[in-house]
Amino acid sequence: MARVVGSVVSTQKDPSLVGRKLMIVQQINSDQQPIRYEQVAADTVNAGIGDNVLIVRGSGARLADGSDQNTRDVNDCTIVGIIDRFDK
C-alpha cells in the first residue's frame, strides 16, 4: 500500500516507459502512516496526488498493464488499484 505524493515528468526515458504516467509513491501501513522510502511507480488506474493506492513490484509490475510478456520492460513498481477505505 502507498500514498501518491507527487508526479514525475521525464522527456528522456527508456522506450518501455513512453506514454506511461509516472507517480511518486510513499509506502504506508494499515494506519496510513508512512513507512520506508518514496519511489516512482507507473500508474495504470489514473491515481491522483493524495490517493491511497495498491502497488505491485517486480515481475507483477511489469505485467500489470496487460502488455505482451515478451516485450522488454524496465518498470519495477506499478499502481494497480485505488484504495477506497481501510477496514480494521
N, C-alpha and C. Protein backbone atom coordinates (compact mmCIF):
# COMPACT_ATOMS: atom_id res chain seq x y z
N MET A 1 0.85 -1.17 0.00
CA MET A 1 0.00 0.00 0.00
C MET A 1 0.89 1.23 0.00
N ALA A 2 0.39 2.28 -0.61
CA ALA A 2 1.17 3.51 -0.69
C ALA A 2 0.24 4.71 -0.86
N ARG A 3 0.80 5.90 -0.65
CA ARG A 3 0.08 7.14 -0.92
C ARG A 3 0.82 7.87 -2.03
N VAL A 4 0.07 8.39 -2.99
CA VAL A 4 0.67 9.16 -4.07
C VAL A 4 1.01 10.54 -3.54
N VAL A 5 2.29 10.92 -3.64
CA VAL A 5 2.73 12.20 -3.10
C VAL A 5 3.21 13.18 -4.17
N GLY A 6 3.27 12.73 -5.42
CA GLY A 6 3.72 13.63 -6.48
C GLY A 6 3.78 12.90 -7.81
N SER A 7 4.27 13.60 -8.80
CA SER A 7 4.42 13.00 -10.13
C SER A 7 5.80 13.32 -10.67
N VAL A 8 6.18 12.58 -11.70
CA VAL A 8 7.49 12.75 -12.32
C VAL A 8 7.27 13.02 -13.81
N VAL A 9 7.99 14.00 -14.34
CA VAL A 9 7.98 14.26 -15.78
C VAL A 9 9.36 13.94 -16.31
N SER A 10 9.43 13.09 -17.30
CA SER A 10 10.71 12.69 -17.88
C SER A 10 10.56 12.63 -19.40
N THR A 11 11.24 13.54 -20.09
CA THR A 11 11.14 13.53 -21.55
C THR A 11 12.11 12.52 -22.17
N GLN A 12 13.23 12.27 -21.53
CA GLN A 12 14.19 11.27 -21.99
C GLN A 12 14.08 10.05 -21.09
N LYS A 13 13.64 8.92 -21.64
CA LYS A 13 13.46 7.72 -20.83
C LYS A 13 13.52 6.49 -21.71
N ASP A 14 13.59 5.34 -21.06
CA ASP A 14 13.58 4.08 -21.77
C ASP A 14 12.29 3.98 -22.60
N PRO A 15 12.37 3.44 -23.81
CA PRO A 15 11.18 3.34 -24.65
C PRO A 15 10.01 2.59 -24.00
N SER A 16 10.27 1.68 -23.09
CA SER A 16 9.17 0.95 -22.45
C SER A 16 8.36 1.83 -21.50
N LEU A 17 8.85 3.02 -21.17
CA LEU A 17 8.13 3.94 -20.29
C LEU A 17 7.39 5.04 -21.04
N VAL A 18 7.57 5.11 -22.35
CA VAL A 18 6.90 6.15 -23.14
C VAL A 18 5.38 5.96 -23.05
N GLY A 19 4.68 7.03 -22.75
CA GLY A 19 3.22 7.01 -22.65
C GLY A 19 2.70 6.61 -21.28
N ARG A 20 3.58 6.32 -20.36
CA ARG A 20 3.14 5.94 -19.01
C ARG A 20 3.19 7.14 -18.08
N LYS A 21 2.18 7.25 -17.22
CA LYS A 21 2.14 8.27 -16.19
C LYS A 21 2.97 7.77 -15.01
N LEU A 22 3.95 8.56 -14.59
CA LEU A 22 4.84 8.16 -13.51
C LEU A 22 4.52 8.98 -12.26
N MET A 23 4.28 8.28 -11.15
CA MET A 23 3.89 8.93 -9.90
C MET A 23 4.89 8.60 -8.80
N ILE A 24 5.07 9.54 -7.87
CA ILE A 24 5.91 9.31 -6.69
C ILE A 24 4.99 8.76 -5.61
N VAL A 25 5.34 7.58 -5.06
CA VAL A 25 4.52 6.97 -4.02
C VAL A 25 5.34 6.76 -2.75
N GLN A 26 4.68 6.91 -1.62
CA GLN A 26 5.28 6.68 -0.30
C GLN A 26 4.55 5.49 0.30
N GLN A 27 5.26 4.41 0.58
CA GLN A 27 4.62 3.25 1.17
C GLN A 27 4.03 3.61 2.53
N ILE A 28 2.86 3.03 2.85
CA ILE A 28 2.17 3.28 4.12
C ILE A 28 1.77 1.96 4.76
N ASN A 29 1.49 2.00 6.07
CA ASN A 29 0.96 0.82 6.75
C ASN A 29 -0.56 0.95 6.83
N SER A 30 -1.22 -0.01 7.51
CA SER A 30 -2.68 0.00 7.57
C SER A 30 -3.24 1.13 8.43
N ASP A 31 -2.39 1.81 9.19
CA ASP A 31 -2.79 3.00 9.93
C ASP A 31 -2.55 4.26 9.10
N GLN A 32 -2.18 4.08 7.86
CA GLN A 32 -1.90 5.14 6.89
C GLN A 32 -0.71 6.00 7.28
N GLN A 33 0.22 5.41 8.04
CA GLN A 33 1.45 6.09 8.43
C GLN A 33 2.56 5.73 7.45
N PRO A 34 3.38 6.69 7.05
CA PRO A 34 4.46 6.41 6.10
C PRO A 34 5.47 5.41 6.66
N ILE A 35 5.90 4.51 5.80
CA ILE A 35 6.97 3.58 6.12
C ILE A 35 7.91 3.54 4.92
N ARG A 36 9.11 3.15 5.16
CA ARG A 36 10.12 3.00 4.12
C ARG A 36 10.40 4.30 3.39
N TYR A 37 10.49 4.24 2.08
CA TYR A 37 11.00 5.35 1.28
C TYR A 37 10.06 5.65 0.12
N GLU A 38 10.25 6.79 -0.49
CA GLU A 38 9.48 7.13 -1.68
C GLU A 38 10.08 6.42 -2.88
N GLN A 39 9.23 6.13 -3.87
CA GLN A 39 9.69 5.51 -5.11
C GLN A 39 8.79 5.95 -6.26
N VAL A 40 9.21 5.68 -7.45
CA VAL A 40 8.43 6.02 -8.64
C VAL A 40 7.67 4.79 -9.10
N ALA A 41 6.39 4.98 -9.41
CA ALA A 41 5.54 3.88 -9.88
C ALA A 41 4.81 4.29 -11.14
N ALA A 42 4.69 3.37 -12.08
CA ALA A 42 3.87 3.60 -13.26
C ALA A 42 2.40 3.46 -12.84
N ASP A 43 1.56 4.35 -13.34
CA ASP A 43 0.15 4.38 -12.93
C ASP A 43 -0.72 3.77 -14.01
N THR A 44 -1.46 2.70 -13.67
CA THR A 44 -2.37 2.08 -14.64
C THR A 44 -3.84 2.37 -14.35
N VAL A 45 -4.12 3.11 -13.25
CA VAL A 45 -5.51 3.32 -12.83
C VAL A 45 -5.89 4.80 -12.71
N ASN A 46 -5.05 5.69 -13.19
CA ASN A 46 -5.31 7.13 -13.16
C ASN A 46 -5.44 7.67 -11.74
N ALA A 47 -4.52 7.27 -10.87
CA ALA A 47 -4.50 7.76 -9.49
C ALA A 47 -4.05 9.23 -9.47
N GLY A 48 -4.43 9.90 -8.40
CA GLY A 48 -4.04 11.30 -8.24
C GLY A 48 -3.27 11.51 -6.96
N ILE A 49 -2.65 12.68 -6.86
CA ILE A 49 -1.89 13.02 -5.65
C ILE A 49 -2.84 13.00 -4.45
N GLY A 50 -2.40 12.33 -3.37
CA GLY A 50 -3.21 12.18 -2.16
C GLY A 50 -3.97 10.87 -2.09
N ASP A 51 -4.11 10.16 -3.21
CA ASP A 51 -4.81 8.87 -3.20
C ASP A 51 -3.97 7.81 -2.50
N ASN A 52 -4.64 6.94 -1.74
CA ASN A 52 -4.02 5.73 -1.23
C ASN A 52 -4.20 4.65 -2.28
N VAL A 53 -3.13 3.94 -2.60
CA VAL A 53 -3.16 3.02 -3.74
C VAL A 53 -2.56 1.67 -3.39
N LEU A 54 -2.88 0.68 -4.21
CA LEU A 54 -2.25 -0.62 -4.16
C LEU A 54 -1.13 -0.64 -5.18
N ILE A 55 0.03 -1.13 -4.78
CA ILE A 55 1.16 -1.21 -5.72
C ILE A 55 1.65 -2.66 -5.78
N VAL A 56 2.22 -3.00 -6.93
CA VAL A 56 2.89 -4.29 -7.09
C VAL A 56 4.30 -4.00 -7.56
N ARG A 57 5.20 -4.94 -7.23
CA ARG A 57 6.60 -4.76 -7.59
C ARG A 57 7.09 -5.99 -8.34
N GLY A 58 8.24 -5.85 -8.97
CA GLY A 58 8.88 -6.96 -9.66
C GLY A 58 8.15 -7.38 -10.92
N SER A 59 8.11 -8.70 -11.17
CA SER A 59 7.51 -9.18 -12.42
C SER A 59 6.03 -8.84 -12.50
N GLY A 60 5.33 -8.80 -11.37
CA GLY A 60 3.92 -8.39 -11.38
C GLY A 60 3.74 -6.98 -11.89
N ALA A 61 4.67 -6.10 -11.55
CA ALA A 61 4.61 -4.71 -12.02
C ALA A 61 4.81 -4.64 -13.53
N ARG A 62 5.67 -5.47 -14.05
CA ARG A 62 5.93 -5.45 -15.49
C ARG A 62 4.76 -5.99 -16.30
N LEU A 63 3.95 -6.84 -15.71
CA LEU A 63 2.82 -7.45 -16.41
C LEU A 63 1.50 -6.74 -16.15
N ALA A 64 1.47 -5.78 -15.23
CA ALA A 64 0.23 -5.17 -14.77
C ALA A 64 -0.53 -4.41 -15.84
N ASP A 65 0.13 -3.89 -16.84
CA ASP A 65 -0.58 -3.11 -17.86
C ASP A 65 -1.15 -3.97 -18.97
N GLY A 66 -0.97 -5.29 -18.89
CA GLY A 66 -1.54 -6.19 -19.88
C GLY A 66 -0.77 -6.28 -21.18
N SER A 67 0.43 -5.72 -21.22
CA SER A 67 1.21 -5.77 -22.45
C SER A 67 1.80 -7.15 -22.66
N ASP A 68 2.34 -7.38 -23.83
CA ASP A 68 2.93 -8.66 -24.19
C ASP A 68 4.07 -9.01 -23.24
N GLN A 69 4.08 -10.25 -22.73
CA GLN A 69 5.09 -10.69 -21.79
C GLN A 69 6.49 -10.71 -22.39
N ASN A 70 6.59 -10.82 -23.70
CA ASN A 70 7.89 -10.90 -24.34
C ASN A 70 8.52 -9.54 -24.59
N THR A 71 7.78 -8.48 -24.32
CA THR A 71 8.29 -7.13 -24.53
C THR A 71 9.22 -6.74 -23.39
N ARG A 72 10.35 -6.14 -23.72
CA ARG A 72 11.29 -5.65 -22.71
C ARG A 72 10.64 -4.51 -21.94
N ASP A 73 10.67 -4.57 -20.61
CA ASP A 73 10.04 -3.56 -19.77
C ASP A 73 10.93 -3.32 -18.56
N VAL A 74 11.27 -2.06 -18.30
CA VAL A 74 12.16 -1.72 -17.18
C VAL A 74 11.39 -1.38 -15.90
N ASN A 75 10.07 -1.37 -15.96
CA ASN A 75 9.26 -0.98 -14.82
C ASN A 75 9.36 -1.99 -13.68
N ASP A 76 9.51 -1.50 -12.44
CA ASP A 76 9.61 -2.38 -11.27
C ASP A 76 8.57 -2.06 -10.21
N CYS A 77 7.73 -1.06 -10.44
CA CYS A 77 6.68 -0.71 -9.47
C CYS A 77 5.50 -0.11 -10.23
N THR A 78 4.30 -0.67 -10.00
CA THR A 78 3.11 -0.22 -10.71
C THR A 78 1.94 -0.03 -9.75
N ILE A 79 1.19 1.05 -9.95
CA ILE A 79 -0.06 1.28 -9.22
C ILE A 79 -1.15 0.49 -9.93
N VAL A 80 -1.81 -0.42 -9.18
CA VAL A 80 -2.82 -1.29 -9.79
C VAL A 80 -4.22 -1.09 -9.20
N GLY A 81 -4.36 -0.25 -8.19
CA GLY A 81 -5.67 -0.01 -7.60
C GLY A 81 -5.67 1.21 -6.71
N ILE A 82 -6.85 1.80 -6.56
CA ILE A 82 -7.03 2.94 -5.65
C ILE A 82 -7.83 2.43 -4.45
N ILE A 83 -7.31 2.66 -3.25
CA ILE A 83 -7.95 2.17 -2.02
C ILE A 83 -9.08 3.11 -1.64
N ASP A 84 -10.29 2.54 -1.46
CA ASP A 84 -11.45 3.33 -1.06
C ASP A 84 -11.48 3.54 0.45
N ARG A 85 -11.15 2.49 1.21
CA ARG A 85 -11.18 2.61 2.66
C ARG A 85 -10.36 1.50 3.28
N PHE A 86 -10.01 1.70 4.55
CA PHE A 86 -9.30 0.71 5.34
C PHE A 86 -10.27 0.20 6.41
N ASP A 87 -10.54 -1.08 6.45
CA ASP A 87 -11.40 -1.69 7.48
C ASP A 87 -10.49 -2.52 8.38
N LYS A 88 -10.48 -2.20 9.67
CA LYS A 88 -9.67 -2.95 10.62
C LYS A 88 -10.53 -3.44 11.76
